[in-house]
Amino acid sequence: MKRVSREEVRKPAEYAVFRDEFRRAVLEQKDKRRVHVGSYLTFLFENHDTVLYQVEEMLRAENITSEPEIQHEMDTYNELLGERGELGCTLLIEIDDPAKRSELLARWKDLPATLYIETQNGTRVTAQFDARQIGEGRISSVHYLKFPIGDQVPAKVGCSHPEIAAETVLTPQQAAALCRDLL
């Protein structure tokens, strides 16, 4: 997938002029790329525009204007994108109650290894995840995942963890958006 390049990234003052329109367009894309699985898991599949949006929003929020800091933000967010044949996503584990969240994130330490995409031909591809997001006693509530599905068409997103096993069938719009990312 095409990475965000320095030429595309506007400084905060320039971005402010286009922000509302760009934000609307990216949020519309995110709607097609957001997959809820069960009660707690939300997968947001990233693409070039969602990453560009994240970079520009970060520069805006923190008023970042120095080239090394801009490059750092680009490098950080470009890591979310998959390579050819690979889907990159942000997983959000959404638990409102802080005490419950702490308890469950400790119990679900093995959760990332139970996440998968099932393709139209029935192949289950498990997530590749960053082990740095798993601490001594718990996992993080946000994970960055990659699914190397090659040229297969994604059909379902799921979790086989025994406590929260669930699966969501992708809508035709979701599947089409993800297929475009694989090119």
C-alpha atoms as a PDB file:
ATOM      1  CA  MET A   1       0.000   0.000   0.000  1.00  0.00           C
ATOM      2  CA  LYS A   2       1.212   3.482  -0.807  1.00  0.00           C
ATOM      3  CA  ARG A   3       2.911   5.091   2.184  1.00  0.00           C
ATOM      4  CA  VAL A   4       2.349   8.697   3.171  1.00  0.00           C
ATOM      5  CA  SER A   5       5.146  10.836   1.730  1.00  0.00           C
ATOM      6  CA  ARG A   6       6.514  14.113   3.018  1.00  0.00           C
ATOM      7  CA  GLU A   7       5.209  15.992  -0.029  1.00  0.00           C
ATOM      8  CA  GLU A   8       1.622  15.167   0.984  1.00  0.00           C
ATOM      9  CA  VAL A   9       1.843  16.266   4.595  1.00  0.00           C
ATOM     10  CA  ARG A  10       0.792  19.840   5.191  1.00  0.00           C
ATOM     11  CA  LYS A  11       1.938  21.930   8.116  1.00  0.00           C
ATOM     12  CA  PRO A  12      -0.807  22.732  10.648  1.00  0.00           C
ATOM     13  CA  ALA A  13      -1.682  26.167   9.220  1.00  0.00           C
ATOM     14  CA  GLU A  14      -2.009  24.763   5.667  1.00  0.00           C
ATOM     15  CA  TYR A  15      -3.950  21.739   6.887  1.00  0.00           C
ATOM     16  CA  ALA A  16      -6.467  23.932   8.729  1.00  0.00           C
ATOM     17  CA  VAL A  17      -7.761  25.253   5.380  1.00  0.00           C
ATOM     18  CA  PHE A  18      -8.675  21.743   4.144  1.00  0.00           C
ATOM     19  CA  ARG A  19      -9.307  20.016   7.473  1.00  0.00           C
ATOM     20  CA  ASP A  20     -13.124  19.934   7.557  1.00  0.00           C
ATOM     21  CA  GLU A  21     -13.498  18.577   4.034  1.00  0.00           C
ATOM     22  CA  PHE A  22     -10.659  16.044   4.415  1.00  0.00           C
ATOM     23  CA  ARG A  23     -11.946  14.943   7.816  1.00  0.00           C
ATOM     24  CA  ARG A  24     -15.427  14.261   6.394  1.00  0.00           C
ATOM     25  CA  ALA A  25     -13.970  12.204   3.533  1.00  0.00           C
ATOM     26  CA  VAL A  26     -11.728  10.148   5.828  1.00  0.00           C
ATOM     27  CA  LEU A  27     -14.479   9.515   8.383  1.00  0.00           C
ATOM     28  CA  GLU A  28     -16.654   8.228   5.541  1.00  0.00           C
ATOM     29  CA  GLN A  29     -13.835   5.859   4.540  1.00  0.00           C
ATOM     30  CA  LYS A  30     -13.392   4.759   8.156  1.00  0.00           C
ATOM     31  CA  ASP A  31     -17.077   3.846   8.365  1.00  0.00           C
ATOM     32  CA  LYS A  32     -16.539   1.291   5.575  1.00  0.00           C
ATOM     33  CA  ARG A  33     -13.346   0.039   7.196  1.00  0.00           C
ATOM     34  CA  ARG A  34     -14.598  -0.401  10.776  1.00  0.00           C
ATOM     35  CA  VAL A  35     -15.595  -3.933  11.794  1.00  0.00           C
ATOM     36  CA  HIS A  36     -17.141  -4.678  15.193  1.00  0.00           C
ATOM     37  CA  VAL A  37     -16.609  -8.211  16.477  1.00  0.00           C
ATOM     38  CA  GLY A  38     -18.544  -9.201  19.560  1.00  0.00           C
ATOM     39  CA  SER A  39     -19.102  -6.760  22.401  1.00  0.00           C
ATOM     40  CA  TYR A  40     -15.563  -5.475  22.878  1.00  0.00           C
ATOM     41  CA  LEU A  41     -13.504  -5.604  19.687  1.00  0.00           C
ATOM     42  CA  THR A  42     -13.377  -3.014  16.927  1.00  0.00           C
ATOM     43  CA  PHE A  43     -11.026  -3.480  13.983  1.00  0.00           C
ATOM     44  CA  LEU A  44     -10.248  -0.341  11.984  1.00  0.00           C
ATOM     45  CA  PHE A  45      -8.510  -1.283   8.751  1.00  0.00           C
ATOM     46  CA  GLU A  46      -6.082   1.442   7.766  1.00  0.00           C
ATOM     47  CA  ASN A  47      -5.296   2.855   4.339  1.00  0.00           C
ATOM     48  CA  HIS A  48      -3.244   5.707   2.920  1.00  0.00           C
ATOM     49  CA  ASP A  49      -5.870   8.351   3.674  1.00  0.00           C
ATOM     50  CA  THR A  50      -6.559   7.216   7.255  1.00  0.00           C
ATOM     51  CA  VAL A  51      -2.825   7.337   7.965  1.00  0.00           C
ATOM     52  CA  LEU A  52      -2.397  10.749   6.318  1.00  0.00           C
ATOM     53  CA  TYR A  53      -5.299  11.981   8.446  1.00  0.00           C
ATOM     54  CA  GLN A  54      -3.659  10.624  11.632  1.00  0.00           C
ATOM     55  CA  VAL A  55      -0.349  12.297  10.782  1.00  0.00           C
ATOM     56  CA  GLU A  56      -1.921  15.655  10.003  1.00  0.00           C
ATOM     57  CA  GLU A  57      -4.155  15.536  13.070  1.00  0.00           C
ATOM     58  CA  MET A  58      -1.136  14.767  15.264  1.00  0.00           C
ATOM     59  CA  LEU A  59       0.847  17.633  13.757  1.00  0.00           C
ATOM     60  CA  ARG A  60      -2.124  19.925  14.324  1.00  0.00           C
ATOM     61  CA  ALA A  61      -2.851  18.803  17.898  1.00  0.00           C
ATOM     62  CA  GLU A  62       0.770  19.081  18.995  1.00  0.00           C
ATOM     63  CA  ASN A  63       1.705  21.976  16.687  1.00  0.00           C
ATOM     64  CA  ILE A  64       4.575  19.987  15.231  1.00  0.00           C
ATOM     65  CA  THR A  65       6.522  21.882  12.560  1.00  0.00           C
ATOM     66  CA  SER A  66      10.112  20.608  12.721  1.00  0.00           C
ATOM     67  CA  GLU A  67      11.139  18.237   9.945  1.00  0.00           C
ATOM     68  CA  PRO A  68      12.572  15.507  12.234  1.00  0.00           C
ATOM     69  CA  GLU A  69       9.345  15.428  14.267  1.00  0.00           C
ATOM     70  CA  ILE A  70       7.194  15.364  11.118  1.00  0.00           C
ATOM     71  CA  GLN A  71       9.282  12.473   9.784  1.00  0.00           C
ATOM     72  CA  HIS A  72       8.892  10.643  13.107  1.00  0.00           C
ATOM     73  CA  GLU A  73       5.082  10.923  12.912  1.00  0.00           C
ATOM     74  CA  MET A  74       5.081   9.723   9.302  1.00  0.00           C
ATOM     75  CA  ASP A  75       7.315   6.762  10.152  1.00  0.00           C
ATOM     76  CA  THR A  76       5.174   5.846  13.153  1.00  0.00           C
ATOM     77  CA  TYR A  77       1.833   5.934  11.350  1.00  0.00           C
ATOM     78  CA  ASN A  78       3.098   4.412   8.088  1.00  0.00           C
ATOM     79  CA  GLU A  79       3.885   1.282  10.140  1.00  0.00           C
ATOM     80  CA  LEU A  80       0.111   0.731  10.371  1.00  0.00           C
ATOM     81  CA  LEU A  81      -0.106   0.022   6.649  1.00  0.00           C
ATOM     82  CA  GLY A  82       0.292  -3.457   5.282  1.00  0.00           C
ATOM     83  CA  GLU A  83       2.604  -4.442   2.481  1.00  0.00           C
ATOM     84  CA  ARG A  84       1.223  -5.875  -0.780  1.00  0.00           C
ATOM     85  CA  GLY A  85      -1.179  -8.703   0.095  1.00  0.00           C
ATOM     86  CA  GLU A  86      -1.346  -7.636   3.722  1.00  0.00           C
ATOM     87  CA  LEU A  87      -4.076  -5.774   5.607  1.00  0.00           C
ATOM     88  CA  GLY A  88      -3.027  -3.474   8.431  1.00  0.00           C
ATOM     89  CA  CYS A  89      -5.441  -2.494  11.151  1.00  0.00           C
ATOM     90  CA  THR A  90      -5.813  -0.914  14.543  1.00  0.00           C
ATOM     91  CA  LEU A  91      -7.648  -3.071  17.062  1.00  0.00           C
ATOM     92  CA  LEU A  92      -9.512  -1.259  19.810  1.00  0.00           C
ATOM     93  CA  ILE A  93     -10.553  -3.252  22.859  1.00  0.00           C
ATOM     94  CA  GLU A  94     -13.448  -1.160  24.108  1.00  0.00           C
ATOM     95  CA  ILE A  95     -14.321  -1.598  27.759  1.00  0.00           C
ATOM     96  CA  ASP A  96     -15.745   1.524  29.423  1.00  0.00           C
ATOM     97  CA  ASP A  97     -15.395   0.564  33.077  1.00  0.00           C
ATOM     98  CA  PRO A  98     -11.726   1.033  34.170  1.00  0.00           C
ATOM     99  CA  ALA A  99     -11.785  -1.741  36.794  1.00  0.00           C
ATOM    100  CA  LYS A 100     -13.390  -4.219  34.409  1.00  0.00           C
ATOM    101  CA  ARG A 101     -10.988  -3.174  31.630  1.00  0.00           C
ATOM    102  CA  SER A 102      -7.972  -3.786  33.875  1.00  0.00           C
ATOM    103  CA  GLU A 103      -9.270  -7.213  34.915  1.00  0.00           C
ATOM    104  CA  LEU A 104     -10.131  -8.338  31.373  1.00  0.00           C
ATOM    105  CA  LEU A 105      -6.922  -7.069  29.759  1.00  0.00           C
ATOM    106  CA  ALA A 106      -5.009  -9.143  32.314  1.00  0.00           C
ATOM    107  CA  ARG A 107      -7.149 -12.230  31.630  1.00  0.00           C
ATOM    108  CA  TRP A 108      -7.020 -11.836  27.848  1.00  0.00           C
ATOM    109  CA  LYS A 109      -3.231 -11.711  27.552  1.00  0.00           C
ATOM    110  CA  ASP A 110      -3.369 -14.334  24.776  1.00  0.00           C
ATOM    111  CA  LEU A 111      -6.077 -12.474  22.816  1.00  0.00           C
ATOM    112  CA  PRO A 112      -3.925 -11.199  19.896  1.00  0.00           C
ATOM    113  CA  ALA A 113      -3.036 -14.757  18.854  1.00  0.00           C
ATOM    114  CA  THR A 114      -6.755 -15.610  18.567  1.00  0.00           C
ATOM    115  CA  LEU A 115      -7.661 -12.875  16.048  1.00  0.00           C
ATOM    116  CA  TYR A 116      -8.173 -13.772  12.403  1.00  0.00           C
ATOM    117  CA  ILE A 117      -9.555 -12.967   8.990  1.00  0.00           C
ATOM    118  CA  GLU A 118     -11.322 -15.738   7.154  1.00  0.00           C
ATOM    119  CA  THR A 119     -11.176 -15.529   3.376  1.00  0.00           C
ATOM    120  CA  GLN A 120     -13.923 -16.453   0.906  1.00  0.00           C
ATOM    121  CA  ASN A 121     -12.313 -19.842   0.347  1.00  0.00           C
ATOM    122  CA  GLY A 122     -12.435 -20.599   4.092  1.00  0.00           C
ATOM    123  CA  THR A 123      -8.764 -20.020   4.899  1.00  0.00           C
ATOM    124  CA  ARG A 124      -8.214 -18.537   8.345  1.00  0.00           C
ATOM    125  CA  VAL A 125      -5.293 -16.107   8.560  1.00  0.00           C
ATOM    126  CA  THR A 126      -4.251 -15.198  12.090  1.00  0.00           C
ATOM    127  CA  ALA A 127      -3.077 -11.745  13.023  1.00  0.00           C
ATOM    128  CA  GLN A 128       0.535 -10.775  13.248  1.00  0.00           C
ATOM    129  CA  PHE A 129       0.937  -8.441  16.197  1.00  0.00           C
ATOM    130  CA  ASP A 130       3.573  -6.405  17.955  1.00  0.00           C
ATOM    131  CA  ALA A 131       4.683  -8.287  21.072  1.00  0.00           C
ATOM    132  CA  ARG A 132       5.696  -4.941  22.645  1.00  0.00           C
ATOM    133  CA  GLN A 133       1.978  -4.304  23.218  1.00  0.00           C
ATOM    134  CA  ILE A 134       1.771  -7.178  25.656  1.00  0.00           C
ATOM    135  CA  GLY A 135       3.079  -6.281  29.096  1.00  0.00           C
ATOM    136  CA  GLU A 136       4.033  -8.432  32.040  1.00  0.00           C
ATOM    137  CA  GLY A 137       0.545  -8.755  33.434  1.00  0.00           C
ATOM    138  CA  ARG A 138      -1.780  -7.553  30.691  1.00  0.00           C
ATOM    139  CA  ILE A 139      -2.254  -6.505  27.094  1.00  0.00           C
ATOM    140  CA  SER A 140      -2.816  -3.012  25.770  1.00  0.00           C
ATOM    141  CA  SER A 141      -6.313  -1.845  24.850  1.00  0.00           C
ATOM    142  CA  VAL A 142      -4.998  -0.790  21.411  1.00  0.00           C
ATOM    143  CA  HIS A 143      -3.123  -3.138  19.073  1.00  0.00           C
ATOM    144  CA  TYR A 144      -1.635  -2.759  15.622  1.00  0.00           C
ATOM    145  CA  LEU A 145      -2.194  -5.889  13.571  1.00  0.00           C
ATOM    146  CA  LYS A 146      -1.299  -7.203  10.146  1.00  0.00           C
ATOM    147  CA  PHE A 147      -3.107  -9.956   8.267  1.00  0.00           C
ATOM    148  CA  PRO A 148      -1.070 -11.464   5.391  1.00  0.00           C
ATOM    149  CA  ILE A 149      -3.923 -12.769   3.240  1.00  0.00           C
ATOM    150  CA  GLY A 150      -2.193 -12.502  -0.144  1.00  0.00           C
ATOM    151  CA  ASP A 151      -4.643 -12.188  -3.022  1.00  0.00           C
ATOM    152  CA  GLN A 152      -7.533 -13.830  -1.152  1.00  0.00           C
ATOM    153  CA  VAL A 153     -10.838 -12.005  -0.659  1.00  0.00           C
ATOM    154  CA  PRO A 154     -11.586 -11.296   3.009  1.00  0.00           C
ATOM    155  CA  ALA A 155     -15.011 -12.545   4.112  1.00  0.00           C
ATOM    156  CA  LYS A 156     -15.059 -12.518   7.944  1.00  0.00           C
ATOM    157  CA  VAL A 157     -13.184 -11.019  10.867  1.00  0.00           C
ATOM    158  CA  GLY A 158     -13.164 -12.960  14.098  1.00  0.00           C
ATOM    159  CA  CYS A 159     -11.797 -13.919  17.460  1.00  0.00           C
ATOM    160  CA  SER A 160     -11.523 -17.474  18.730  1.00  0.00           C
ATOM    161  CA  HIS A 161     -10.630 -16.576  22.330  1.00  0.00           C
ATOM    162  CA  PRO A 162     -12.817 -18.822  24.518  1.00  0.00           C
ATOM    163  CA  GLU A 163     -14.163 -15.956  26.630  1.00  0.00           C
ATOM    164  CA  ILE A 164     -15.178 -13.685  23.758  1.00  0.00           C
ATOM    165  CA  ALA A 165     -15.317 -15.829  20.638  1.00  0.00           C
ATOM    166  CA  ALA A 166     -17.241 -14.016  17.907  1.00  0.00           C
ATOM    167  CA  GLU A 167     -17.164 -13.486  14.169  1.00  0.00           C
ATOM    168  CA  THR A 168     -18.480 -10.787  11.853  1.00  0.00           C
ATOM    169  CA  VAL A 169     -19.278 -11.336   8.177  1.00  0.00           C
ATOM    170  CA  LEU A 170     -18.007  -8.411   6.118  1.00  0.00           C
ATOM    171  CA  THR A 171     -20.526  -6.399   4.155  1.00  0.00           C
ATOM    172  CA  PRO A 172     -19.904  -6.180   0.400  1.00  0.00           C
ATOM    173  CA  GLN A 173     -18.728  -2.570   0.920  1.00  0.00           C
ATOM    174  CA  GLN A 174     -16.266  -3.614   3.626  1.00  0.00           C
ATOM    175  CA  ALA A 175     -14.887  -6.483   1.566  1.00  0.00           C
ATOM    176  CA  ALA A 176     -14.479  -4.210  -1.477  1.00  0.00           C
ATOM    177  CA  ALA A 177     -12.633  -1.557   0.580  1.00  0.00           C
ATOM    178  CA  LEU A 178     -10.249  -4.173   1.991  1.00  0.00           C
ATOM    179  CA  CYS A 179      -9.659  -5.771  -1.421  1.00  0.00           C
ATOM    180  CA  ARG A 180      -8.563  -2.380  -2.772  1.00  0.00           C
ATOM    181  CA  ASP A 181      -5.952  -2.259   0.024  1.00  0.00           C
ATOM    182  CA  LEU A 182      -4.394  -5.540  -1.063  1.00  0.00           C
ATOM    183  CA  LEU A 183      -3.348  -4.186  -4.468  1.00  0.00           C
END
